[in-house]
C-alpha atoms as a PDB file:
ATOM      1  CA  MET A   1      14.403 -15.735   0.929  1.00  0.00           C
ATOM      2  CA  GLU A   2      13.028 -17.050  -2.332  1.00  0.00           C
ATOM      3  CA  ALA A   3       9.853 -16.092  -4.174  1.00  0.00           C
ATOM      4  CA  ARG A   4       7.018 -18.586  -3.745  1.00  0.00           C
ATOM      5  CA  MET A   5       5.488 -18.083  -7.208  1.00  0.00           C
ATOM      6  CA  LYS A   6       6.828 -17.343 -10.655  1.00  0.00           C
ATOM      7  CA  GLY A   7       4.745 -15.095 -12.892  1.00  0.00           C
ATOM      8  CA  ALA A   8       1.019 -14.477 -13.080  1.00  0.00           C
ATOM      9  CA  ALA A   9      -1.002 -17.653 -12.628  1.00  0.00           C
ATOM     10  CA  ASN A  10      -4.235 -16.219 -14.011  1.00  0.00           C
ATOM     11  CA  PRO A  11      -4.343 -14.103 -17.181  1.00  0.00           C
ATOM     12  CA  ASP A  12      -7.759 -12.716 -16.168  1.00  0.00           C
ATOM     13  CA  VAL A  13      -6.106 -11.053 -13.178  1.00  0.00           C
ATOM     14  CA  SER A  14      -3.522  -9.419 -15.447  1.00  0.00           C
ATOM     15  CA  THR A  15      -6.273  -8.122 -17.724  1.00  0.00           C
ATOM     16  CA  ALA A  16      -8.218  -6.703 -14.778  1.00  0.00           C
ATOM     17  CA  ILE A  17      -5.100  -4.953 -13.463  1.00  0.00           C
ATOM     18  CA  GLN A  18      -4.437  -3.449 -16.897  1.00  0.00           C
ATOM     19  CA  HIS A  19      -7.963  -2.000 -16.849  1.00  0.00           C
ATOM     20  CA  LEU A  20      -7.353  -0.519 -13.396  1.00  0.00           C
ATOM     21  CA  TYR A  21      -4.137   1.129 -14.600  1.00  0.00           C
ATOM     22  CA  LYS A  22      -5.962   2.512 -17.614  1.00  0.00           C
ATOM     23  CA  ALA A  23      -8.567   4.048 -15.283  1.00  0.00           C
ATOM     24  CA  ILE A  24      -5.858   5.514 -13.052  1.00  0.00           C
ATOM     25  CA  HIS A  25      -4.003   7.124 -15.934  1.00  0.00           C
ATOM     26  CA  ALA A  26      -7.234   8.494 -17.403  1.00  0.00           C
ATOM     27  CA  GLY A  27      -7.772  10.488 -14.208  1.00  0.00           C
ATOM     28  CA  GLY A  28      -5.677  13.447 -15.282  1.00  0.00           C
ATOM     29  CA  VAL A  29      -3.045  13.152 -12.538  1.00  0.00           C
ATOM     30  CA  ASP A  30       0.590  13.836 -13.387  1.00  0.00           C
ATOM     31  CA  PRO A  31       2.293  10.425 -13.737  1.00  0.00           C
ATOM     32  CA  ARG A  32       5.189  11.640 -11.591  1.00  0.00           C
ATOM     33  CA  LEU A  33       2.784  12.333  -8.727  1.00  0.00           C
ATOM     34  CA  LEU A  34       1.266   8.856  -9.123  1.00  0.00           C
ATOM     35  CA  GLU A  35       4.786   7.424  -8.907  1.00  0.00           C
ATOM     36  CA  LEU A  36       5.386   9.323  -5.642  1.00  0.00           C
ATOM     37  CA  VAL A  37       2.130   7.939  -4.250  1.00  0.00           C
ATOM     38  CA  HIS A  38       3.136   4.410  -5.263  1.00  0.00           C
ATOM     39  CA  LEU A  39       6.594   4.799  -3.760  1.00  0.00           C
ATOM     40  CA  ARG A  40       5.351   6.198  -0.452  1.00  0.00           C
ATOM     41  CA  ALA A  41       2.750   3.468   0.092  1.00  0.00           C
ATOM     42  CA  SER A  42       5.339   0.823  -0.794  1.00  0.00           C
ATOM     43  CA  GLN A  43       7.842   2.330   1.644  1.00  0.00           C
ATOM     44  CA  ILE A  44       5.269   2.274   4.439  1.00  0.00           C
ATOM     45  CA  ASN A  45       4.455  -1.358   3.704  1.00  0.00           C
ATOM     46  CA  GLY A  46       8.105  -2.350   3.361  1.00  0.00           C
ATOM     47  CA  CYS A  47       7.538  -3.781  -0.123  1.00  0.00           C
ATOM     48  CA  SER A  48      11.011  -3.914  -1.645  1.00  0.00           C
ATOM     49  CA  PRO A  49       9.948  -5.049  -5.136  1.00  0.00           C
ATOM     50  CA  CYS A  50       7.439  -2.190  -5.399  1.00  0.00           C
ATOM     51  CA  VAL A  51       9.952   0.340  -4.037  1.00  0.00           C
ATOM     52  CA  PHE A  52      12.504  -0.856  -6.588  1.00  0.00           C
ATOM     53  CA  ALA A  53      10.069  -0.891  -9.519  1.00  0.00           C
ATOM     54  CA  GLY A  54       8.514   2.406  -8.438  1.00  0.00           C
ATOM     55  CA  ILE A  55      11.864   4.187  -8.403  1.00  0.00           C
ATOM     56  CA  GLU A  56      12.747   2.808 -11.830  1.00  0.00           C
ATOM     57  CA  SER A  57       9.385   3.898 -13.220  1.00  0.00           C
ATOM     58  CA  ALA A  58       9.571   7.336 -11.610  1.00  0.00           C
ATOM     59  CA  LYS A  59      12.982   7.922 -13.165  1.00  0.00           C
ATOM     60  CA  LYS A  60      11.548   7.030 -16.575  1.00  0.00           C
ATOM     61  CA  HIS A  61       8.946   9.761 -15.984  1.00  0.00           C
ATOM     62  CA  GLY A  62      11.748  12.259 -15.257  1.00  0.00           C
ATOM     63  CA  GLU A  63      11.781  12.138 -11.460  1.00  0.00           C
ATOM     64  CA  THR A  64      15.041  13.161  -9.799  1.00  0.00           C
ATOM     65  CA  ASP A  65      17.178  11.148  -7.403  1.00  0.00           C
ATOM     66  CA  GLU A  66      17.031  14.019  -4.922  1.00  0.00           C
ATOM     67  CA  ARG A  67      13.254  13.839  -4.658  1.00  0.00           C
ATOM     68  CA  LEU A  68      13.093  10.035  -4.742  1.00  0.00           C
ATOM     69  CA  HIS A  69      15.578   9.786  -1.879  1.00  0.00           C
ATOM     70  CA  ASN A  70      13.441  12.150   0.165  1.00  0.00           C
ATOM     71  CA  VAL A  71       9.939  10.749  -0.340  1.00  0.00           C
ATOM     72  CA  VAL A  72      10.347   8.868   2.935  1.00  0.00           C
ATOM     73  CA  ALA A  73      10.874  12.205   4.726  1.00  0.00           C
ATOM     74  CA  TRP A  74       8.693  14.432   2.548  1.00  0.00           C
ATOM     75  CA  ARG A  75       7.438  16.535   5.471  1.00  0.00           C
ATOM     76  CA  GLU A  76      10.962  17.618   6.415  1.00  0.00           C
ATOM     77  CA  THR A  77      12.180  18.569   2.934  1.00  0.00           C
ATOM     78  CA  PRO A  78      11.620  21.516   0.586  1.00  0.00           C
ATOM     79  CA  PHE A  79      11.431  19.302  -2.518  1.00  0.00           C
ATOM     80  CA  PHE A  80       7.666  18.764  -2.836  1.00  0.00           C
ATOM     81  CA  THR A  81       4.817  21.037  -3.877  1.00  0.00           C
ATOM     82  CA  GLU A  82       1.700  21.573  -1.766  1.00  0.00           C
ATOM     83  CA  GLU A  83      -0.225  19.417  -4.229  1.00  0.00           C
ATOM     84  CA  GLU A  84       2.302  16.587  -3.834  1.00  0.00           C
ATOM     85  CA  ARG A  85       2.241  16.975  -0.059  1.00  0.00           C
ATOM     86  CA  ALA A  86      -1.552  16.647  -0.044  1.00  0.00           C
ATOM     87  CA  ALA A  87      -1.307  13.460  -2.119  1.00  0.00           C
ATOM     88  CA  LEU A  88       1.438  12.030   0.090  1.00  0.00           C
ATOM     89  CA  ALA A  89      -0.533  12.780   3.261  1.00  0.00           C
ATOM     90  CA  LEU A  90      -3.583  11.078   1.738  1.00  0.00           C
ATOM     91  CA  THR A  91      -1.411   8.107   0.759  1.00  0.00           C
ATOM     92  CA  GLU A  92      -0.056   7.696   4.266  1.00  0.00           C
ATOM     93  CA  ALA A  93      -3.441   8.023   5.939  1.00  0.00           C
ATOM     94  CA  ALA A  94      -5.108   5.569   3.549  1.00  0.00           C
ATOM     95  CA  THR A  95      -2.243   3.077   3.809  1.00  0.00           C
ATOM     96  CA  ARG A  96      -1.819   3.114   7.578  1.00  0.00           C
ATOM     97  CA  ILE A  97      -5.110   1.480   8.537  1.00  0.00           C
ATOM     98  CA  GLN A  98      -3.933  -0.623  11.439  1.00  0.00           C
ATOM     99  CA  ASP A  99      -6.028  -0.754  14.600  1.00  0.00           C
ATOM    100  CA  GLY A 100      -6.414   2.657  16.155  1.00  0.00           C
ATOM    101  CA  ALA A 101      -5.019   4.678  13.247  1.00  0.00           C
ATOM    102  CA  PRO A 102      -7.128   7.773  12.545  1.00  0.00           C
ATOM    103  CA  GLY A 103      -7.202   7.073   8.805  1.00  0.00           C
ATOM    104  CA  VAL A 104      -8.076   9.838   6.375  1.00  0.00           C
ATOM    105  CA  THR A 105      -9.152  12.703   8.587  1.00  0.00           C
ATOM    106  CA  ASP A 106     -11.303  15.581   7.365  1.00  0.00           C
ATOM    107  CA  GLU A 107      -8.202  17.783   7.429  1.00  0.00           C
ATOM    108  CA  ILE A 108      -6.289  15.417   5.118  1.00  0.00           C
ATOM    109  CA  TRP A 109      -9.278  14.992   2.823  1.00  0.00           C
ATOM    110  CA  ASP A 110      -9.912  18.755   2.669  1.00  0.00           C
ATOM    111  CA  ALA A 111      -6.258  19.381   1.751  1.00  0.00           C
ATOM    112  CA  ALA A 112      -6.531  16.829  -1.056  1.00  0.00           C
ATOM    113  CA  THR A 113      -9.808  18.287  -2.367  1.00  0.00           C
ATOM    114  CA  ALA A 114      -8.195  21.733  -2.437  1.00  0.00           C
ATOM    115  CA  HIS A 115      -5.744  20.455  -5.057  1.00  0.00           C
ATOM    116  CA  PHE A 116      -7.578  17.728  -6.964  1.00  0.00           C
ATOM    117  CA  ASP A 117     -10.979  17.341  -8.574  1.00  0.00           C
ATOM    118  CA  GLU A 118     -13.101  14.217  -8.071  1.00  0.00           C
ATOM    119  CA  LYS A 119     -11.746  12.452 -11.151  1.00  0.00           C
ATOM    120  CA  GLN A 120      -8.177  13.050  -9.991  1.00  0.00           C
ATOM    121  CA  LEU A 121      -8.985  11.999  -6.421  1.00  0.00           C
ATOM    122  CA  SER A 122     -10.535   8.826  -7.760  1.00  0.00           C
ATOM    123  CA  ALA A 123      -7.336   8.085  -9.683  1.00  0.00           C
ATOM    124  CA  ILE A 124      -5.125   8.795  -6.662  1.00  0.00           C
ATOM    125  CA  ASN A 125      -7.289   6.663  -4.382  1.00  0.00           C
ATOM    126  CA  LEU A 126      -7.217   3.822  -6.881  1.00  0.00           C
ATOM    127  CA  GLU A 127      -3.421   4.143  -7.171  1.00  0.00           C
ATOM    128  CA  ILE A 128      -3.122   3.910  -3.375  1.00  0.00           C
ATOM    129  CA  ALA A 129      -5.419   0.874  -3.252  1.00  0.00           C
ATOM    130  CA  LEU A 130      -3.708  -0.888  -6.143  1.00  0.00           C
ATOM    131  CA  THR A 131      -0.291  -0.266  -4.621  1.00  0.00           C
ATOM    132  CA  ASN A 132      -1.451  -1.697  -1.299  1.00  0.00           C
ATOM    133  CA  PHE A 133      -2.896  -4.672  -3.237  1.00  0.00           C
ATOM    134  CA  PHE A 134       0.489  -5.352  -4.867  1.00  0.00           C
ATOM    135  CA  ASN A 135       2.331  -4.801  -1.585  1.00  0.00           C
ATOM    136  CA  THR A 136       0.167  -7.452   0.063  1.00  0.00           C
ATOM    137  CA  ILE A 137       0.621  -9.938  -2.769  1.00  0.00           C
ATOM    138  CA  ASN A 138       4.380  -9.395  -2.840  1.00  0.00           C
ATOM    139  CA  HIS A 139       4.635 -10.009   0.906  1.00  0.00           C
ATOM    140  CA  THR A 140       2.553 -13.158   0.572  1.00  0.00           C
ATOM    141  CA  ILE A 141       4.551 -14.674  -2.273  1.00  0.00           C
ATOM    142  CA  ARG A 142       7.898 -13.271  -1.085  1.00  0.00           C
ATOM    143  CA  GLU A 143       8.580 -11.463  -4.339  1.00  0.00           C
ATOM    144  CA  GLN A 144      12.098 -10.079  -4.496  1.00  0.00           C
ATOM    145  CA  ALA A 145      13.286  -6.597  -5.443  1.00  0.00           C
ATOM    146  CA  GLY A 146      15.013  -6.228  -8.771  1.00  0.00           C
ATOM    147  CA  LYS A 147      12.112  -6.625 -11.185  1.00  0.00           C
ATOM    148  CA  THR A 148      10.257  -4.027 -13.134  1.00  0.00           C
ATOM    149  CA  TRP A 149       6.927  -5.092 -14.525  1.00  0.00           C
END
């Protein structure tokens, strides 16, 4: 499989994305937690370039191999805090929006609000949405794993 496009075709899109990242990182959420959110959404969507880049970025923020290898099975491991578990549950519920999925239930939302304020929740929700945005684009253009942006 070969990528269908090379590079960003529209610099305005790149500028807009940079502004979204600035808003996310201004939300007061630990960057390592944002990396876990990105990784989990990308795993669900099967986006190999985002999984690859997310792991590389998480390592740069000090994340361990042990935790990164277990994000896919976070419920069955002792490696994540309650705060991280709430963010991962929110990520999964917001990412899995296929027909019939329950989405973000009150229980999931309440768990998230117990750990994060509105500014932080806004940042996490934007991280989930932006990750899903990139996952969709990468599937469309057949981007390959191995790049970090």
